[in-house]
Each structure stands twice: as structure tokens, then as C-alpha cells.
Amino acid sequence: MRRYFSAMSLAAKKSETNVPMPTEHAVLEERFDHIQSDVTDLKQNLRRVEGKVDNVQSELKDFKAQVANDFGDLKSQMATQFGEIKAQMKALEASMIKWMVGTMIAATSLAVTIVKLLH
């Protein structure tokens, strides 16, 4: 029987510690209010961050479009300039070939003339 009473007294002590005292209840309520306030602040901060993220996302989209446009312009300018360079190189090549042919003809004529004069 003694064990029964000691188990009962333990149960009574446990139930006494589980019941919050009025001051503990006030402390818990204050902590809850503080946590609730923090959550409200976090929600507001999150909304501001979401707005900023949306703004950055919009700016990045605009930047991407501008870069694509600029690279498109650069590509067309380069294609035009490379076309002009190719045309200039072909003209230079034709001019060089003409000079080589003319020089060969002149050198051959000079050689033939020298040979005729020497014989």
C-alpha cells in the first residue's frame, strides 16, 4: 500500500508541475505575442523582398532583351564589314595578279630583247 500512495503522490506532483501558474501563463502569452509580432514582421519583409525580386527579374529580362538586340546589331555590322573586307581582298588579289602578269610580260619582253641584241 505504501507503493500505491507514493505513486499517487508522484502523479499529483507531476500534474501540479504541468498546470501553468498564472505568472507562467502571462510569460507564455507574452512570448507568444512576441513570436506573433516577429512572424508579422517576417511576412512584411518577405513581401518587400518579393517585390524587389520581381523588380530585379523584370530588369534582368529587359537587360537580356537589350543584350540580345545589341549582339544582333553587332553581328549584322560584323557581317557587313567582313563582306567589305572580302571584297577589298578580292580586288587586291586581282590587282596583284595583274601586276604579276604585267611584270612577267615585261620581264619576258626584256629577256627576249636582250637575247636578240646579243645574237
C-alpha atoms as a PDB file:
ATOM      1  CA  MET A   1       0.000   0.000   0.000  1.00  0.00           C
ATOM      2  CA  ARG A   2       2.805   2.284   0.616  1.00  0.00           C
ATOM      3  CA  ARG A   3       3.862   1.991  -3.002  1.00  0.00           C
ATOM      4  CA  TYR A   4       0.372   2.996  -4.109  1.00  0.00           C
ATOM      5  CA  PHE A   5       0.498   6.201  -2.130  1.00  0.00           C
ATOM      6  CA  SER A   6       3.952   7.051  -3.331  1.00  0.00           C
ATOM      7  CA  ALA A   7       2.828   6.525  -6.962  1.00  0.00           C
ATOM      8  CA  MET A   8      -0.217   8.688  -6.315  1.00  0.00           C
ATOM      9  CA  SER A   9       1.876  11.400  -4.753  1.00  0.00           C
ATOM     10  CA  LEU A  10       4.199  11.299  -7.776  1.00  0.00           C
ATOM     11  CA  ALA A  11       1.219  11.648 -10.108  1.00  0.00           C
ATOM     12  CA  ALA A  12      -0.052  14.564  -8.073  1.00  0.00           C
ATOM     13  CA  LYS A  13       3.343  16.265  -8.175  1.00  0.00           C
ATOM     14  CA  LYS A  14       3.536  15.746 -11.956  1.00  0.00           C
ATOM     15  CA  SER A  15       0.088  17.190 -12.504  1.00  0.00           C
ATOM     16  CA  GLU A  16       0.988  20.168 -10.357  1.00  0.00           C
ATOM     17  CA  THR A  17       4.049  20.914 -12.476  1.00  0.00           C
ATOM     18  CA  ASN A  18       2.086  20.616 -15.727  1.00  0.00           C
ATOM     19  CA  VAL A  19      -0.508  23.193 -14.723  1.00  0.00           C
ATOM     20  CA  PRO A  20       0.932  26.606 -15.561  1.00  0.00           C
ATOM     21  CA  MET A  21       0.911  29.153 -12.856  1.00  0.00           C
ATOM     22  CA  PRO A  22      -0.700  32.499 -13.611  1.00  0.00           C
ATOM     23  CA  THR A  23       2.697  34.156 -13.968  1.00  0.00           C
ATOM     24  CA  GLU A  24       3.895  31.374 -16.252  1.00  0.00           C
ATOM     25  CA  HIS A  25       0.757  31.782 -18.303  1.00  0.00           C
ATOM     26  CA  ALA A  26       1.443  35.504 -18.653  1.00  0.00           C
ATOM     27  CA  VAL A  27       5.045  34.815 -19.663  1.00  0.00           C
ATOM     28  CA  LEU A  28       3.912  32.302 -22.260  1.00  0.00           C
ATOM     29  CA  GLU A  29       1.318  34.703 -23.570  1.00  0.00           C
ATOM     30  CA  GLU A  30       3.936  37.465 -23.796  1.00  0.00           C
ATOM     31  CA  ARG A  31       6.295  35.143 -25.645  1.00  0.00           C
ATOM     32  CA  PHE A  32       3.503  34.118 -27.993  1.00  0.00           C
ATOM     33  CA  ASP A  33       2.685  37.765 -28.702  1.00  0.00           C
ATOM     34  CA  HIS A  34       6.363  38.423 -29.371  1.00  0.00           C
ATOM     35  CA  ILE A  35       6.570  35.440 -31.733  1.00  0.00           C
ATOM     36  CA  GLN A  36       3.387  36.560 -33.471  1.00  0.00           C
ATOM     37  CA  SER A  37       4.860  40.046 -33.895  1.00  0.00           C
ATOM     38  CA  ASP A  38       8.067  38.554 -35.317  1.00  0.00           C
ATOM     39  CA  VAL A  39       6.070  36.451 -37.781  1.00  0.00           C
ATOM     40  CA  THR A  40       4.150  39.555 -38.884  1.00  0.00           C
ATOM     41  CA  ASP A  41       7.431  41.415 -39.393  1.00  0.00           C
ATOM     42  CA  LEU A  42       8.853  38.468 -41.345  1.00  0.00           C
ATOM     43  CA  LYS A  43       5.791  38.430 -43.586  1.00  0.00           C
ATOM     44  CA  GLN A  44       6.192  42.140 -44.288  1.00  0.00           C
ATOM     45  CA  ASN A  45       9.898  41.684 -45.000  1.00  0.00           C
ATOM     46  CA  LEU A  46       9.102  38.778 -47.286  1.00  0.00           C
ATOM     47  CA  ARG A  47       6.609  40.899 -49.237  1.00  0.00           C
ATOM     48  CA  ARG A  48       9.236  43.625 -49.676  1.00  0.00           C
ATOM     49  CA  VAL A  49      11.818  41.064 -50.787  1.00  0.00           C
ATOM     50  CA  GLU A  50       9.324  39.534 -53.220  1.00  0.00           C
ATOM     51  CA  GLY A  51       8.718  42.997 -54.679  1.00  0.00           C
ATOM     52  CA  LYS A  52      12.438  43.555 -55.056  1.00  0.00           C
ATOM     53  CA  VAL A  53      12.917  40.123 -56.630  1.00  0.00           C
ATOM     54  CA  ASP A  54      10.127  40.860 -59.105  1.00  0.00           C
ATOM     55  CA  ASN A  55      11.794  44.196 -59.909  1.00  0.00           C
ATOM     56  CA  VAL A  56      15.212  42.569 -60.392  1.00  0.00           C
ATOM     57  CA  GLN A  57      13.637  39.853 -62.510  1.00  0.00           C
ATOM     58  CA  SER A  58      11.982  42.489 -64.706  1.00  0.00           C
ATOM     59  CA  GLU A  59      15.254  44.420 -65.020  1.00  0.00           C
ATOM     60  CA  LEU A  60      17.134  41.237 -65.946  1.00  0.00           C
ATOM     61  CA  LYS A  61      14.534  40.450 -68.582  1.00  0.00           C
ATOM     62  CA  ASP A  62      14.942  43.952 -70.055  1.00  0.00           C
ATOM     63  CA  PHE A  63      18.738  43.645 -69.868  1.00  0.00           C
ATOM     64  CA  LYS A  64      18.626  40.272 -71.612  1.00  0.00           C
ATOM     65  CA  ALA A  65      16.480  41.712 -74.404  1.00  0.00           C
ATOM     66  CA  GLN A  66      18.827  44.702 -74.774  1.00  0.00           C
ATOM     67  CA  VAL A  67      21.919  42.467 -74.879  1.00  0.00           C
ATOM     68  CA  ALA A  68      20.278  40.204 -77.470  1.00  0.00           C
ATOM     69  CA  ASN A  69      19.386  43.263 -79.554  1.00  0.00           C
ATOM     70  CA  ASP A  70      22.905  44.700 -79.231  1.00  0.00           C
ATOM     71  CA  PHE A  71      24.523  41.406 -80.193  1.00  0.00           C
ATOM     72  CA  GLY A  72      22.161  41.118 -83.153  1.00  0.00           C
ATOM     73  CA  ASP A  73      23.232  44.598 -84.302  1.00  0.00           C
ATOM     74  CA  LEU A  74      26.886  43.735 -83.741  1.00  0.00           C
ATOM     75  CA  LYS A  75      26.514  40.510 -85.706  1.00  0.00           C
ATOM     76  CA  SER A  76      24.968  42.302 -88.684  1.00  0.00           C
ATOM     77  CA  GLN A  77      27.658  45.022 -88.568  1.00  0.00           C
ATOM     78  CA  MET A  78      30.398  42.395 -88.463  1.00  0.00           C
ATOM     79  CA  ALA A  79      28.843  40.513 -91.362  1.00  0.00           C
ATOM     80  CA  THR A  80      28.708  43.746 -93.385  1.00  0.00           C
ATOM     81  CA  GLN A  81      32.298  44.645 -92.529  1.00  0.00           C
ATOM     82  CA  PHE A  82      33.583  41.138 -93.266  1.00  0.00           C
ATOM     83  CA  GLY A  83      31.799  41.309 -96.619  1.00  0.00           C
ATOM     84  CA  GLU A  84      33.536  44.615 -97.353  1.00  0.00           C
ATOM     85  CA  ILE A  85      36.900  43.174 -96.311  1.00  0.00           C
ATOM     86  CA  LYS A  86      36.387  40.150 -98.566  1.00  0.00           C
ATOM     87  CA  ALA A  87      35.528  42.422-101.491  1.00  0.00           C
ATOM     88  CA  GLN A  88      38.656  44.536-100.825  1.00  0.00           C
ATOM     89  CA  MET A  89      40.815  41.404-100.602  1.00  0.00           C
ATOM     90  CA  LYS A  90      39.448  40.099-103.917  1.00  0.00           C
ATOM     91  CA  ALA A  91      40.114  43.459-105.547  1.00  0.00           C
ATOM     92  CA  LEU A  92      43.640  43.468-104.095  1.00  0.00           C
ATOM     93  CA  GLU A  93      44.193  39.895-105.261  1.00  0.00           C
ATOM     94  CA  ALA A  94      43.043  40.775-108.805  1.00  0.00           C
ATOM     95  CA  SER A  95      45.305  43.833-108.790  1.00  0.00           C
ATOM     96  CA  MET A  96      48.275  41.760-107.601  1.00  0.00           C
ATOM     97  CA  ILE A  97      47.654  39.133-110.282  1.00  0.00           C
ATOM     98  CA  LYS A  98      47.521  41.861-112.933  1.00  0.00           C
ATOM     99  CA  TRP A  99      50.802  43.323-111.678  1.00  0.00           C
ATOM    100  CA  MET A 100      52.424  39.877-111.667  1.00  0.00           C
ATOM    101  CA  VAL A 101      51.238  39.123-115.204  1.00  0.00           C
ATOM    102  CA  GLY A 102      52.365  42.567-116.358  1.00  0.00           C
ATOM    103  CA  THR A 103      55.737  42.134-114.642  1.00  0.00           C
ATOM    104  CA  MET A 104      56.186  38.689-116.208  1.00  0.00           C
ATOM    105  CA  ILE A 105      55.324  40.013-119.645  1.00  0.00           C
ATOM    106  CA  ALA A 106      57.706  42.935-119.177  1.00  0.00           C
ATOM    107  CA  ALA A 107      60.475  40.672-117.882  1.00  0.00           C
ATOM    108  CA  THR A 108      59.947  38.203-120.731  1.00  0.00           C
ATOM    109  CA  SER A 109      59.969  41.025-123.282  1.00  0.00           C
ATOM    110  CA  LEU A 110      63.125  42.403-121.739  1.00  0.00           C
ATOM    111  CA  ALA A 111      64.750  38.954-121.804  1.00  0.00           C
ATOM    112  CA  VAL A 112      63.748  38.419-125.463  1.00  0.00           C
ATOM    113  CA  THR A 113      65.080  41.870-126.378  1.00  0.00           C
ATOM    114  CA  ILE A 114      68.373  41.208-124.629  1.00  0.00           C
ATOM    115  CA  VAL A 115      68.709  37.847-126.349  1.00  0.00           C
ATOM    116  CA  LYS A 116      68.017  39.427-129.787  1.00  0.00           C
ATOM    117  CA  LEU A 117      70.514  42.188-129.171  1.00  0.00           C
ATOM    118  CA  LEU A 118      73.199  39.735-128.103  1.00  0.00           C
ATOM    119  CA  HIS A 119      72.765  37.447-131.130  1.00  0.00           C
END
